[in-house]
Amino acid sequence: MRSAEIVVADGMPLVWAARLLGRPVPERVTGADLLWSLSGLAARRGWPVHLLGGPPGAAAGAASTLSRRFPGLRVSGVSAPPYGFDATAEGRARVRREVVAARPRIVFVGLGFPRQDRLADELREDLPDAWFLGCGAAIAFAAGTLPRAPEWMRRAGLEWAFRLACEPRRLTRRYLVNDLPFAARLLTTALAARAAAAR
């Protein structure tokens, strides 16, 4: 994360903690939203994009959806490697060859944290002029293979609950065992810092 050029507040706990600390960020910025806005920019600038990740067929479906929405968008390639491909040097090398051969300017990497970030870091060596965006489930959202939470749930910070209801087997441990304690510690620390500053 420290090597990234840009880091955005993708989770509402980060937005809330920043407010508590008196240093608010303008808004929550998700990979799912950036997929659309950056695809629009790429279409206007003539930059080729590559979609990497998502369940089988999702990258191709997202490419089709984005191309309809943004006429002129150049999708230089799509890759939907099988789960666990990145556990072997051979699997990573195969994907690396695909992406490098496509010569994209923007690569949307939807493999989930931290897998997408590690792979993007490797790919940057071969494509130093490309931008890599870790976008989680954004490719599946764009393809329509996974529903996205309604706008009111996103604004209220409840997108995680919607996602958990849609994919309980995959997300229960991640959200309730890993993320919830982190969010609680983050907000508690921010509250304590705010209280200390007020004294």
N, C-alpha and C. Protein backbone atom coordinates (compact mmCIF):
# COMPACT_ATOMS: atom_id res chain seq x y z
N MET A 1 0.83 -1.19 0.00
CA MET A 1 0.00 0.00 0.00
C MET A 1 0.87 1.26 0.00
N ARG A 2 2.01 1.18 0.69
CA ARG A 2 2.87 2.36 0.76
C ARG A 2 3.49 2.71 -0.59
N SER A 3 3.58 1.74 -1.50
CA SER A 3 4.18 2.01 -2.80
C SER A 3 3.16 2.55 -3.80
N ALA A 4 1.89 2.60 -3.45
CA ALA A 4 0.87 3.09 -4.37
C ALA A 4 0.99 4.60 -4.56
N GLU A 5 0.74 5.06 -5.79
CA GLU A 5 0.76 6.50 -6.04
C GLU A 5 -0.45 7.19 -5.43
N ILE A 6 -1.59 6.52 -5.46
CA ILE A 6 -2.82 7.10 -4.93
C ILE A 6 -3.53 6.05 -4.07
N VAL A 7 -3.95 6.44 -2.89
CA VAL A 7 -4.73 5.57 -2.00
C VAL A 7 -6.01 6.31 -1.68
N VAL A 8 -7.15 5.64 -1.86
CA VAL A 8 -8.44 6.29 -1.62
C VAL A 8 -9.15 5.63 -0.44
N ALA A 9 -10.09 6.35 0.13
CA ALA A 9 -10.89 5.82 1.24
C ALA A 9 -12.03 5.00 0.65
N ASP A 10 -11.85 3.69 0.58
CA ASP A 10 -12.84 2.80 -0.03
C ASP A 10 -13.87 2.32 0.99
N GLY A 11 -13.59 2.46 2.26
CA GLY A 11 -14.51 1.97 3.30
C GLY A 11 -15.07 3.10 4.14
N MET A 12 -16.34 2.97 4.53
CA MET A 12 -16.95 4.02 5.35
C MET A 12 -16.27 4.19 6.71
N PRO A 13 -15.75 3.14 7.36
CA PRO A 13 -15.05 3.39 8.62
C PRO A 13 -13.88 4.37 8.47
N LEU A 14 -13.21 4.36 7.32
CA LEU A 14 -12.13 5.33 7.08
C LEU A 14 -12.69 6.74 6.97
N VAL A 15 -13.81 6.87 6.30
CA VAL A 15 -14.45 8.18 6.16
C VAL A 15 -14.89 8.70 7.53
N TRP A 16 -15.53 7.81 8.33
CA TRP A 16 -15.99 8.22 9.66
C TRP A 16 -14.82 8.58 10.57
N ALA A 17 -13.75 7.78 10.54
CA ALA A 17 -12.59 8.05 11.39
C ALA A 17 -11.96 9.39 11.02
N ALA A 18 -11.87 9.68 9.73
CA ALA A 18 -11.31 10.96 9.30
C ALA A 18 -12.15 12.13 9.82
N ARG A 19 -13.47 11.97 9.80
CA ARG A 19 -14.34 13.02 10.33
C ARG A 19 -14.12 13.20 11.83
N LEU A 20 -14.03 12.09 12.54
CA LEU A 20 -13.82 12.16 13.99
C LEU A 20 -12.51 12.86 14.33
N LEU A 21 -11.51 12.67 13.49
CA LEU A 21 -10.21 13.28 13.74
C LEU A 21 -10.13 14.73 13.28
N GLY A 22 -11.24 15.23 12.69
CA GLY A 22 -11.25 16.61 12.23
C GLY A 22 -10.51 16.80 10.92
N ARG A 23 -10.23 15.71 10.21
CA ARG A 23 -9.56 15.78 8.91
C ARG A 23 -10.39 15.01 7.88
N PRO A 24 -11.60 15.48 7.60
CA PRO A 24 -12.50 14.72 6.72
C PRO A 24 -11.96 14.59 5.30
N VAL A 25 -12.23 13.45 4.72
CA VAL A 25 -11.94 13.25 3.30
C VAL A 25 -13.20 13.67 2.54
N PRO A 26 -13.06 14.07 1.28
CA PRO A 26 -14.24 14.58 0.56
C PRO A 26 -15.38 13.57 0.47
N GLU A 27 -15.06 12.31 0.25
CA GLU A 27 -16.10 11.29 0.13
C GLU A 27 -15.45 9.92 0.06
N ARG A 28 -16.29 8.90 0.15
CA ARG A 28 -15.84 7.53 -0.07
C ARG A 28 -15.64 7.34 -1.57
N VAL A 29 -14.52 6.72 -1.94
CA VAL A 29 -14.22 6.47 -3.35
C VAL A 29 -13.96 4.98 -3.49
N THR A 30 -14.85 4.29 -4.19
CA THR A 30 -14.72 2.84 -4.32
C THR A 30 -14.15 2.44 -5.68
N GLY A 31 -13.55 1.25 -5.71
CA GLY A 31 -13.08 0.71 -6.97
C GLY A 31 -14.22 0.53 -7.95
N ALA A 32 -15.40 0.19 -7.42
CA ALA A 32 -16.58 0.00 -8.28
C ALA A 32 -16.98 1.30 -8.97
N ASP A 33 -16.82 2.42 -8.29
CA ASP A 33 -17.13 3.71 -8.90
C ASP A 33 -16.02 4.13 -9.87
N LEU A 34 -14.77 3.89 -9.48
CA LEU A 34 -13.64 4.28 -10.32
C LEU A 34 -13.60 3.48 -11.62
N LEU A 35 -14.07 2.25 -11.61
CA LEU A 35 -14.12 1.46 -12.83
C LEU A 35 -14.89 2.22 -13.92
N TRP A 36 -16.02 2.82 -13.53
CA TRP A 36 -16.85 3.55 -14.49
C TRP A 36 -16.21 4.88 -14.89
N SER A 37 -15.80 5.66 -13.90
CA SER A 37 -15.27 6.99 -14.24
C SER A 37 -13.96 6.89 -15.02
N LEU A 38 -13.10 5.95 -14.68
CA LEU A 38 -11.84 5.82 -15.41
C LEU A 38 -12.04 5.20 -16.78
N SER A 39 -13.04 4.36 -16.94
CA SER A 39 -13.35 3.82 -18.27
C SER A 39 -13.85 4.94 -19.18
N GLY A 40 -14.65 5.85 -18.63
CA GLY A 40 -15.09 7.01 -19.41
C GLY A 40 -13.92 7.88 -19.83
N LEU A 41 -12.99 8.11 -18.90
CA LEU A 41 -11.79 8.89 -19.22
C LEU A 41 -10.96 8.18 -20.29
N ALA A 42 -10.79 6.85 -20.13
CA ALA A 42 -10.01 6.09 -21.10
C ALA A 42 -10.63 6.17 -22.50
N ALA A 43 -11.96 6.11 -22.57
CA ALA A 43 -12.64 6.21 -23.87
C ALA A 43 -12.38 7.57 -24.52
N ARG A 44 -12.42 8.63 -23.71
CA ARG A 44 -12.19 9.98 -24.25
C ARG A 44 -10.74 10.17 -24.69
N ARG A 45 -9.81 9.57 -23.97
CA ARG A 45 -8.38 9.76 -24.27
C ARG A 45 -7.82 8.71 -25.24
N GLY A 46 -8.60 7.67 -25.54
CA GLY A 46 -8.10 6.62 -26.42
C GLY A 46 -7.15 5.66 -25.74
N TRP A 47 -7.25 5.56 -24.42
CA TRP A 47 -6.36 4.66 -23.67
C TRP A 47 -6.94 3.25 -23.64
N PRO A 48 -6.16 2.25 -23.98
CA PRO A 48 -6.66 0.87 -23.88
C PRO A 48 -6.72 0.42 -22.41
N VAL A 49 -7.74 -0.36 -22.09
CA VAL A 49 -7.89 -0.88 -20.72
C VAL A 49 -7.88 -2.41 -20.76
N HIS A 50 -7.52 -2.99 -19.64
CA HIS A 50 -7.52 -4.45 -19.49
C HIS A 50 -8.30 -4.77 -18.22
N LEU A 51 -9.18 -5.77 -18.31
CA LEU A 51 -9.97 -6.21 -17.16
C LEU A 51 -9.43 -7.56 -16.70
N LEU A 52 -9.01 -7.62 -15.45
CA LEU A 52 -8.37 -8.81 -14.90
C LEU A 52 -9.07 -9.23 -13.61
N GLY A 53 -9.72 -10.41 -13.66
CA GLY A 53 -10.34 -10.92 -12.44
C GLY A 53 -11.83 -11.13 -12.59
N GLY A 54 -12.45 -11.44 -11.46
CA GLY A 54 -13.87 -11.72 -11.44
C GLY A 54 -14.14 -13.19 -11.70
N PRO A 55 -15.38 -13.63 -11.47
CA PRO A 55 -15.73 -15.02 -11.74
C PRO A 55 -15.69 -15.29 -13.25
N PRO A 56 -15.74 -16.57 -13.65
CA PRO A 56 -15.68 -16.90 -15.08
C PRO A 56 -16.72 -16.12 -15.88
N GLY A 57 -16.27 -15.50 -16.96
CA GLY A 57 -17.15 -14.74 -17.83
C GLY A 57 -17.39 -13.30 -17.43
N ALA A 58 -17.04 -12.95 -16.19
CA ALA A 58 -17.34 -11.59 -15.71
C ALA A 58 -16.51 -10.53 -16.42
N ALA A 59 -15.24 -10.78 -16.64
CA ALA A 59 -14.40 -9.77 -17.30
C ALA A 59 -14.90 -9.48 -18.70
N ALA A 60 -15.27 -10.52 -19.44
CA ALA A 60 -15.80 -10.32 -20.79
C ALA A 60 -17.15 -9.59 -20.74
N GLY A 61 -17.99 -9.96 -19.77
CA GLY A 61 -19.27 -9.29 -19.61
C GLY A 61 -19.11 -7.83 -19.24
N ALA A 62 -18.17 -7.54 -18.36
CA ALA A 62 -17.91 -6.15 -17.96
C ALA A 62 -17.37 -5.36 -19.15
N ALA A 63 -16.51 -5.97 -19.94
CA ALA A 63 -15.96 -5.30 -21.13
C ALA A 63 -17.09 -4.90 -22.08
N SER A 64 -18.03 -5.81 -22.27
CA SER A 64 -19.17 -5.54 -23.15
C SER A 64 -20.03 -4.40 -22.60
N THR A 65 -20.32 -4.44 -21.31
CA THR A 65 -21.14 -3.39 -20.67
C THR A 65 -20.46 -2.03 -20.76
N LEU A 66 -19.18 -1.99 -20.44
CA LEU A 66 -18.44 -0.73 -20.45
C LEU A 66 -18.32 -0.18 -21.87
N SER A 67 -18.13 -1.06 -22.84
CA SER A 67 -18.01 -0.61 -24.23
C SER A 67 -19.32 -0.03 -24.75
N ARG A 68 -20.44 -0.59 -24.30
CA ARG A 68 -21.75 -0.03 -24.69
C ARG A 68 -21.95 1.34 -24.05
N ARG A 69 -21.54 1.46 -22.79
CA ARG A 69 -21.73 2.72 -22.07
C ARG A 69 -20.80 3.82 -22.58
N PHE A 70 -19.58 3.42 -22.97
CA PHE A 70 -18.58 4.40 -23.42
C PHE A 70 -18.11 4.03 -24.83
N PRO A 71 -18.85 4.48 -25.86
CA PRO A 71 -18.45 4.17 -27.23
C PRO A 71 -17.01 4.64 -27.47
N GLY A 72 -16.25 3.81 -28.13
CA GLY A 72 -14.86 4.15 -28.39
C GLY A 72 -13.90 3.59 -27.36
N LEU A 73 -14.41 3.01 -26.28
CA LEU A 73 -13.53 2.42 -25.29
C LEU A 73 -12.78 1.25 -25.91
N ARG A 74 -11.48 1.27 -25.78
CA ARG A 74 -10.64 0.19 -26.31
C ARG A 74 -10.31 -0.78 -25.18
N VAL A 75 -10.92 -1.95 -25.22
CA VAL A 75 -10.60 -3.00 -24.25
C VAL A 75 -9.54 -3.88 -24.91
N SER A 76 -8.31 -3.76 -24.44
CA SER A 76 -7.21 -4.47 -25.08
C SER A 76 -7.15 -5.93 -24.67
N GLY A 77 -7.86 -6.29 -23.61
CA GLY A 77 -7.88 -7.68 -23.20
C GLY A 77 -8.67 -7.89 -21.94
N VAL A 78 -9.08 -9.14 -21.74
CA VAL A 78 -9.74 -9.55 -20.50
C VAL A 78 -9.08 -10.83 -20.03
N SER A 79 -8.94 -10.96 -18.73
CA SER A 79 -8.34 -12.16 -18.14
C SER A 79 -9.18 -12.58 -16.95
N ALA A 80 -9.55 -13.85 -16.92
CA ALA A 80 -10.30 -14.39 -15.79
C ALA A 80 -9.59 -15.66 -15.32
N PRO A 81 -8.43 -15.48 -14.69
CA PRO A 81 -7.67 -16.66 -14.26
C PRO A 81 -8.40 -17.43 -13.16
N PRO A 82 -8.18 -18.74 -13.08
CA PRO A 82 -8.86 -19.52 -12.04
C PRO A 82 -8.39 -19.13 -10.64
N TYR A 83 -9.27 -19.35 -9.67
CA TYR A 83 -8.91 -19.02 -8.29
C TYR A 83 -7.64 -19.77 -7.89
N GLY A 84 -6.73 -19.10 -7.25
CA GLY A 84 -5.49 -19.72 -6.79
C GLY A 84 -4.37 -19.71 -7.81
N PHE A 85 -4.61 -19.09 -8.98
CA PHE A 85 -3.57 -19.06 -10.02
C PHE A 85 -2.29 -18.39 -9.50
N ASP A 86 -2.47 -17.41 -8.61
CA ASP A 86 -1.33 -16.63 -8.14
C ASP A 86 -0.52 -17.33 -7.06
N ALA A 87 -0.91 -18.55 -6.71
CA ALA A 87 -0.16 -19.32 -5.71
C ALA A 87 1.09 -19.96 -6.33
N THR A 88 1.16 -19.98 -7.66
CA THR A 88 2.32 -20.59 -8.32
C THR A 88 2.99 -19.58 -9.24
N ALA A 89 4.28 -19.73 -9.41
CA ALA A 89 5.03 -18.84 -10.31
C ALA A 89 4.52 -19.01 -11.74
N GLU A 90 4.17 -20.24 -12.12
CA GLU A 90 3.67 -20.50 -13.47
C GLU A 90 2.35 -19.79 -13.72
N GLY A 91 1.44 -19.83 -12.73
CA GLY A 91 0.15 -19.17 -12.88
C GLY A 91 0.30 -17.66 -13.00
N ARG A 92 1.16 -17.09 -12.17
CA ARG A 92 1.39 -15.64 -12.24
C ARG A 92 2.03 -15.26 -13.57
N ALA A 93 2.99 -16.08 -14.03
CA ALA A 93 3.68 -15.79 -15.29
C ALA A 93 2.72 -15.83 -16.47
N ARG A 94 1.76 -16.75 -16.47
CA ARG A 94 0.80 -16.86 -17.56
C ARG A 94 -0.04 -15.58 -17.65
N VAL A 95 -0.54 -15.12 -16.50
CA VAL A 95 -1.35 -13.90 -16.47
C VAL A 95 -0.49 -12.70 -16.84
N ARG A 96 0.71 -12.69 -16.37
CA ARG A 96 1.63 -11.59 -16.67
C ARG A 96 1.85 -11.47 -18.18
N ARG A 97 2.05 -12.60 -18.85
CA ARG A 97 2.24 -12.59 -20.30
C ARG A 97 1.01 -12.04 -21.01
N GLU A 98 -0.17 -12.44 -20.58
CA GLU A 98 -1.43 -11.97 -21.18
C GLU A 98 -1.57 -10.46 -21.08
N VAL A 99 -1.36 -9.96 -19.88
CA VAL A 99 -1.58 -8.53 -19.64
C VAL A 99 -0.52 -7.70 -20.36
N VAL A 100 0.73 -8.12 -20.30
CA VAL A 100 1.81 -7.37 -20.94
C VAL A 100 1.61 -7.35 -22.45
N ALA A 101 1.18 -8.47 -23.04
CA ALA A 101 0.96 -8.53 -24.49
C ALA A 101 -0.16 -7.58 -24.93
N ALA A 102 -1.12 -7.31 -24.04
CA ALA A 102 -2.24 -6.43 -24.37
C ALA A 102 -1.85 -4.96 -24.38
N ARG A 103 -0.75 -4.60 -23.73
CA ARG A 103 -0.24 -3.23 -23.66
C ARG A 103 -1.31 -2.22 -23.22
N PRO A 104 -1.99 -2.46 -22.11
CA PRO A 104 -3.02 -1.51 -21.66
C PRO A 104 -2.42 -0.27 -21.02
N ARG A 105 -3.22 0.75 -20.95
CA ARG A 105 -2.83 1.97 -20.23
C ARG A 105 -3.40 1.94 -18.82
N ILE A 106 -4.58 1.28 -18.67
CA ILE A 106 -5.19 1.11 -17.35
C ILE A 106 -5.54 -0.37 -17.20
N VAL A 107 -5.18 -0.94 -16.05
CA VAL A 107 -5.51 -2.32 -15.75
C VAL A 107 -6.40 -2.33 -14.51
N PHE A 108 -7.62 -2.84 -14.67
CA PHE A 108 -8.53 -3.00 -13.54
C PHE A 108 -8.32 -4.41 -13.00
N VAL A 109 -7.84 -4.49 -11.75
CA VAL A 109 -7.49 -5.78 -11.16
C VAL A 109 -8.51 -6.11 -10.07
N GLY A 110 -9.39 -7.04 -10.36
CA GLY A 110 -10.47 -7.39 -9.44
C GLY A 110 -10.28 -8.75 -8.81
N LEU A 111 -9.30 -8.86 -7.95
CA LEU A 111 -8.99 -10.14 -7.31
C LEU A 111 -9.15 -10.09 -5.80
N GLY A 112 -9.51 -8.94 -5.25
CA GLY A 112 -9.62 -8.80 -3.80
C GLY A 112 -8.28 -8.48 -3.17
N PHE A 113 -8.34 -7.81 -2.04
CA PHE A 113 -7.15 -7.42 -1.28
C PHE A 113 -6.69 -8.61 -0.44
N PRO A 114 -5.40 -8.89 -0.35
CA PRO A 114 -4.24 -8.20 -0.94
C PRO A 114 -3.76 -8.82 -2.24
N ARG A 115 -4.47 -9.83 -2.76
CA ARG A 115 -4.00 -10.53 -3.95
C ARG A 115 -3.86 -9.58 -5.15
N GLN A 116 -4.87 -8.73 -5.35
CA GLN A 116 -4.83 -7.83 -6.50
C GLN A 116 -3.68 -6.84 -6.38
N ASP A 117 -3.39 -6.41 -5.17
CA ASP A 117 -2.33 -5.43 -4.96
C ASP A 117 -0.95 -6.03 -5.18
N ARG A 118 -0.78 -7.27 -4.74
CA ARG A 118 0.50 -7.95 -4.96
C ARG A 118 0.75 -8.19 -6.44
N LEU A 119 -0.29 -8.64 -7.16
CA LEU A 119 -0.13 -8.90 -8.59
C LEU A 119 0.14 -7.60 -9.34
N ALA A 120 -0.58 -6.55 -9.01
CA ALA A 120 -0.37 -5.25 -9.67
C ALA A 120 1.07 -4.79 -9.46
N ASP A 121 1.60 -5.00 -8.27
CA ASP A 121 2.96 -4.59 -7.98
C ASP A 121 3.96 -5.33 -8.89
N GLU A 122 3.70 -6.61 -9.14
CA GLU A 122 4.56 -7.38 -10.05
C GLU A 122 4.42 -6.87 -11.48
N LEU A 123 3.19 -6.63 -11.92
CA LEU A 123 2.94 -6.22 -13.30
C LEU A 123 3.51 -4.84 -13.62
N ARG A 124 3.62 -4.01 -12.62
CA ARG A 124 4.15 -2.65 -12.84
C ARG A 124 5.56 -2.67 -13.38
N GLU A 125 6.31 -3.71 -13.07
CA GLU A 125 7.69 -3.80 -13.55
C GLU A 125 7.72 -3.86 -15.08
N ASP A 126 6.75 -4.58 -15.67
CA ASP A 126 6.71 -4.74 -17.13
C ASP A 126 5.92 -3.65 -17.83
N LEU A 127 5.04 -2.99 -17.12
CA LEU A 127 4.20 -1.94 -17.70
C LEU A 127 4.32 -0.66 -16.87
N PRO A 128 5.50 -0.03 -16.88
CA PRO A 128 5.71 1.13 -15.99
C PRO A 128 4.85 2.33 -16.32
N ASP A 129 4.31 2.41 -17.54
CA ASP A 129 3.48 3.56 -17.90
C ASP A 129 1.99 3.32 -17.68
N ALA A 130 1.64 2.11 -17.25
CA ALA A 130 0.23 1.78 -17.04
C ALA A 130 -0.18 2.12 -15.61
N TRP A 131 -1.48 2.38 -15.45
CA TRP A 131 -2.08 2.58 -14.13
C TRP A 131 -2.80 1.29 -13.75
N PHE A 132 -2.66 0.89 -12.51
CA PHE A 132 -3.31 -0.31 -12.00
C PHE A 132 -4.29 0.10 -10.91
N LEU A 133 -5.52 -0.39 -11.03
CA LEU A 133 -6.53 -0.09 -10.03
C LEU A 133 -7.03 -1.39 -9.41
N GLY A 134 -6.79 -1.57 -8.12
CA GLY A 134 -7.37 -2.69 -7.39
C GLY A 134 -8.84 -2.39 -7.17
N CYS A 135 -9.72 -3.17 -7.81
CA CYS A 135 -11.14 -2.79 -7.80
C CYS A 135 -12.05 -3.86 -7.20
N GLY A 136 -11.51 -4.89 -6.55
CA GLY A 136 -12.34 -5.87 -5.87
C GLY A 136 -13.41 -6.48 -6.75
N ALA A 137 -14.67 -6.37 -6.31
CA ALA A 137 -15.79 -6.99 -7.02
C ALA A 137 -16.35 -6.12 -8.14
N ALA A 138 -15.68 -5.01 -8.47
CA ALA A 138 -16.21 -4.07 -9.46
C ALA A 138 -16.45 -4.71 -10.82
N ILE A 139 -15.59 -5.64 -11.22
CA ILE A 139 -15.75 -6.29 -12.53
C ILE A 139 -17.04 -7.11 -12.54
N ALA A 140 -17.28 -7.85 -11.47
CA ALA A 140 -18.52 -8.64 -11.37
C ALA A 140 -19.75 -7.73 -11.30
N PHE A 141 -19.63 -6.59 -10.61
CA PHE A 141 -20.75 -5.64 -10.58
C PHE A 141 -21.06 -5.14 -11.99
N ALA A 142 -20.02 -4.73 -12.71
CA ALA A 142 -20.22 -4.17 -14.05
C ALA A 142 -20.79 -5.22 -15.01
N ALA A 143 -20.39 -6.47 -14.82
CA ALA A 143 -20.89 -7.54 -15.67
C ALA A 143 -22.33 -7.93 -15.33
N GLY A 144 -22.78 -7.56 -14.13
CA GLY A 144 -24.12 -7.94 -13.68
C GLY A 144 -24.18 -9.33 -13.09
N THR A 145 -23.02 -9.95 -12.84
CA THR A 145 -23.01 -11.29 -12.25
C THR A 145 -23.12 -11.23 -10.73
N LEU A 146 -22.93 -10.05 -10.17
CA LEU A 146 -23.05 -9.84 -8.73
C LEU A 146 -23.77 -8.52 -8.51
N PRO A 147 -24.84 -8.50 -7.73
CA PRO A 147 -25.57 -7.23 -7.54
C PRO A 147 -24.81 -6.29 -6.60
N ARG A 148 -24.95 -5.02 -6.85
CA ARG A 148 -24.36 -4.02 -5.96
C ARG A 148 -25.43 -3.48 -5.04
N ALA A 149 -25.04 -3.09 -3.86
CA ALA A 149 -25.98 -2.56 -2.87
C ALA A 149 -26.68 -1.31 -3.41
N PRO A 150 -27.94 -1.11 -2.99
CA PRO A 150 -28.64 0.13 -3.40
C PRO A 150 -27.87 1.36 -2.90
N GLU A 151 -28.08 2.46 -3.60
CA GLU A 151 -27.36 3.70 -3.28
C GLU A 151 -27.54 4.11 -1.83
N TRP A 152 -28.74 3.97 -1.26
CA TRP A 152 -28.97 4.42 0.12
C TRP A 152 -28.14 3.59 1.11
N MET A 153 -27.95 2.30 0.82
CA MET A 153 -27.13 1.47 1.70
C MET A 153 -25.66 1.87 1.60
N ARG A 154 -25.22 2.24 0.41
CA ARG A 154 -23.83 2.68 0.23
C ARG A 154 -23.58 3.97 1.01
N ARG A 155 -24.54 4.92 0.89
CA ARG A 155 -24.39 6.21 1.60
C ARG A 155 -24.40 6.01 3.11
N ALA A 156 -25.19 5.05 3.59
CA ALA A 156 -25.32 4.82 5.04
C ALA A 156 -24.18 3.96 5.60
N GLY A 157 -23.28 3.50 4.74
CA GLY A 157 -22.18 2.65 5.22
C GLY A 157 -22.60 1.21 5.43
N LEU A 158 -23.64 0.77 4.73
CA LEU A 158 -24.16 -0.59 4.91
C LEU A 158 -23.92 -1.50 3.71
N GLU A 159 -23.07 -1.08 2.80
CA GLU A 159 -22.81 -1.92 1.63
C GLU A 159 -22.26 -3.29 2.05
N TRP A 160 -21.48 -3.30 3.11
CA TRP A 160 -20.90 -4.57 3.58
C TRP A 160 -22.01 -5.55 3.99
N ALA A 161 -23.09 -5.04 4.59
CA ALA A 161 -24.19 -5.92 5.02
C ALA A 161 -24.89 -6.53 3.81
N PHE A 162 -25.07 -5.72 2.77
CA PHE A 162 -25.68 -6.22 1.55
C PHE A 162 -24.79 -7.29 0.92
N ARG A 163 -23.49 -7.01 0.85
CA ARG A 163 -22.56 -7.98 0.27
C ARG A 163 -22.53 -9.27 1.08
N LEU A 164 -22.57 -9.14 2.40
CA LEU A 164 -22.57 -10.31 3.28
C LEU A 164 -23.81 -11.17 3.06
N ALA A 165 -24.96 -10.51 2.87
CA ALA A 165 -26.20 -11.24 2.61
C ALA A 165 -26.15 -11.96 1.27
N CYS A 166 -25.46 -11.38 0.29
CA CYS A 166 -25.37 -11.98 -1.04
C CYS A 166 -24.35 -13.13 -1.09
N GLU A 167 -23.27 -13.01 -0.32
CA GLU A 167 -22.20 -14.01 -0.37
C GLU A 167 -21.76 -14.41 1.04
N PRO A 168 -22.65 -15.00 1.84
CA PRO A 168 -22.31 -15.28 3.24
C PRO A 168 -21.14 -16.27 3.39
N ARG A 169 -21.09 -17.29 2.58
CA ARG A 169 -20.00 -18.29 2.72
C ARG A 169 -18.63 -17.67 2.46
N ARG A 170 -18.55 -16.80 1.47
CA ARG A 170 -17.26 -16.22 1.10
C ARG A 170 -16.86 -15.06 2.00
N LEU A 171 -17.83 -14.29 2.50
CA LEU A 171 -17.51 -13.03 3.16
C LEU A 171 -17.67 -13.01 4.68
N THR A 172 -18.29 -14.03 5.29
CA THR A 172 -18.52 -14.00 6.74
C THR A 172 -17.22 -13.84 7.50
N ARG A 173 -16.26 -14.67 7.21
CA ARG A 173 -14.98 -14.58 7.94
C ARG A 173 -14.30 -13.23 7.68
N ARG A 174 -14.26 -12.84 6.42
CA ARG A 174 -13.58 -11.59 6.08
C ARG A 174 -14.22 -10.40 6.78
N TYR A 175 -15.53 -10.29 6.71
CA TYR A 175 -16.20 -9.11 7.26
C TYR A 175 -16.33 -9.14 8.77
N LEU A 176 -16.73 -10.28 9.32
CA LEU A 176 -17.02 -10.33 10.76
C LEU A 176 -15.81 -10.66 11.62
N VAL A 177 -14.90 -11.46 11.11
CA VAL A 177 -13.73 -11.86 11.90
C VAL A 177 -12.55 -10.91 11.67
N ASN A 178 -12.33 -10.52 10.41
CA ASN A 178 -11.17 -9.67 10.10
C ASN A 178 -11.50 -8.18 10.11
N ASP A 179 -12.54 -7.79 9.37
CA ASP A 179 -12.80 -6.36 9.16
C ASP A 179 -13.47 -5.67 10.34
N LEU A 180 -14.45 -6.34 10.96
CA LEU A 180 -15.20 -5.69 12.04
C LEU A 180 -14.31 -5.29 13.22
N PRO A 181 -13.41 -6.17 13.71
CA PRO A 181 -12.53 -5.74 14.80
C PRO A 181 -11.60 -4.58 14.39
N PHE A 182 -11.14 -4.61 13.14
CA PHE A 182 -10.29 -3.51 12.66
C PHE A 182 -11.06 -2.20 12.66
N ALA A 183 -12.29 -2.22 12.14
CA ALA A 183 -13.12 -1.01 12.10
C ALA A 183 -13.40 -0.50 13.51
N ALA A 184 -13.67 -1.42 14.43
CA ALA A 184 -13.94 -1.02 15.83
C ALA A 184 -12.71 -0.36 16.45
N ARG A 185 -11.53 -0.95 16.23
CA ARG A 185 -10.29 -0.36 16.76
C ARG A 185 -10.02 1.01 16.14
N LEU A 186 -10.23 1.11 14.83
CA LEU A 186 -9.99 2.37 14.12
C LEU A 186 -10.88 3.48 14.68
N LEU A 187 -12.17 3.20 14.83
CA LEU A 187 -13.09 4.22 15.31
C LEU A 187 -12.87 4.54 16.78
N THR A 188 -12.52 3.53 17.58
CA THR A 188 -12.22 3.78 18.99
C THR A 188 -10.99 4.66 19.13
N THR A 189 -9.96 4.39 18.34
CA THR A 189 -8.74 5.19 18.38
C THR A 189 -9.03 6.63 17.94
N ALA A 190 -9.85 6.79 16.90
CA ALA A 190 -10.20 8.12 16.43
C ALA A 190 -11.00 8.89 17.49
N LEU A 191 -11.94 8.19 18.14
CA LEU A 191 -12.71 8.83 19.23
C LEU A 191 -11.82 9.26 20.36
N ALA A 192 -10.88 8.39 20.76
CA ALA A 192 -9.95 8.71 21.85
C ALA A 192 -9.08 9.91 21.49
N ALA A 193 -8.61 9.96 20.24
CA ALA A 193 -7.78 11.09 19.81
C ALA A 193 -8.58 12.38 19.80
N ARG A 194 -9.83 12.28 19.40
CA ARG A 194 -10.70 13.47 19.38
C ARG A 194 -10.94 13.97 20.80
N ALA A 195 -11.21 13.03 21.72
CA ALA A 195 -11.45 13.40 23.12
C ALA A 195 -10.19 14.04 23.73
N ALA A 196 -9.02 13.47 23.42
CA ALA A 196 -7.77 14.01 23.95
C ALA A 196 -7.50 15.42 23.42
N ALA A 197 -7.83 15.65 22.14
CA ALA A 197 -7.61 16.97 21.54
C ALA A 197 -8.55 18.01 22.12
N ALA A 198 -9.73 17.56 22.60
CA ALA A 198 -10.72 18.48 23.13
C ALA A 198 -10.40 18.93 24.55
N ARG A 199 -9.50 18.20 25.22
CA ARG A 199 -9.19 18.54 26.61
C ARG A 199 -8.33 19.78 26.71
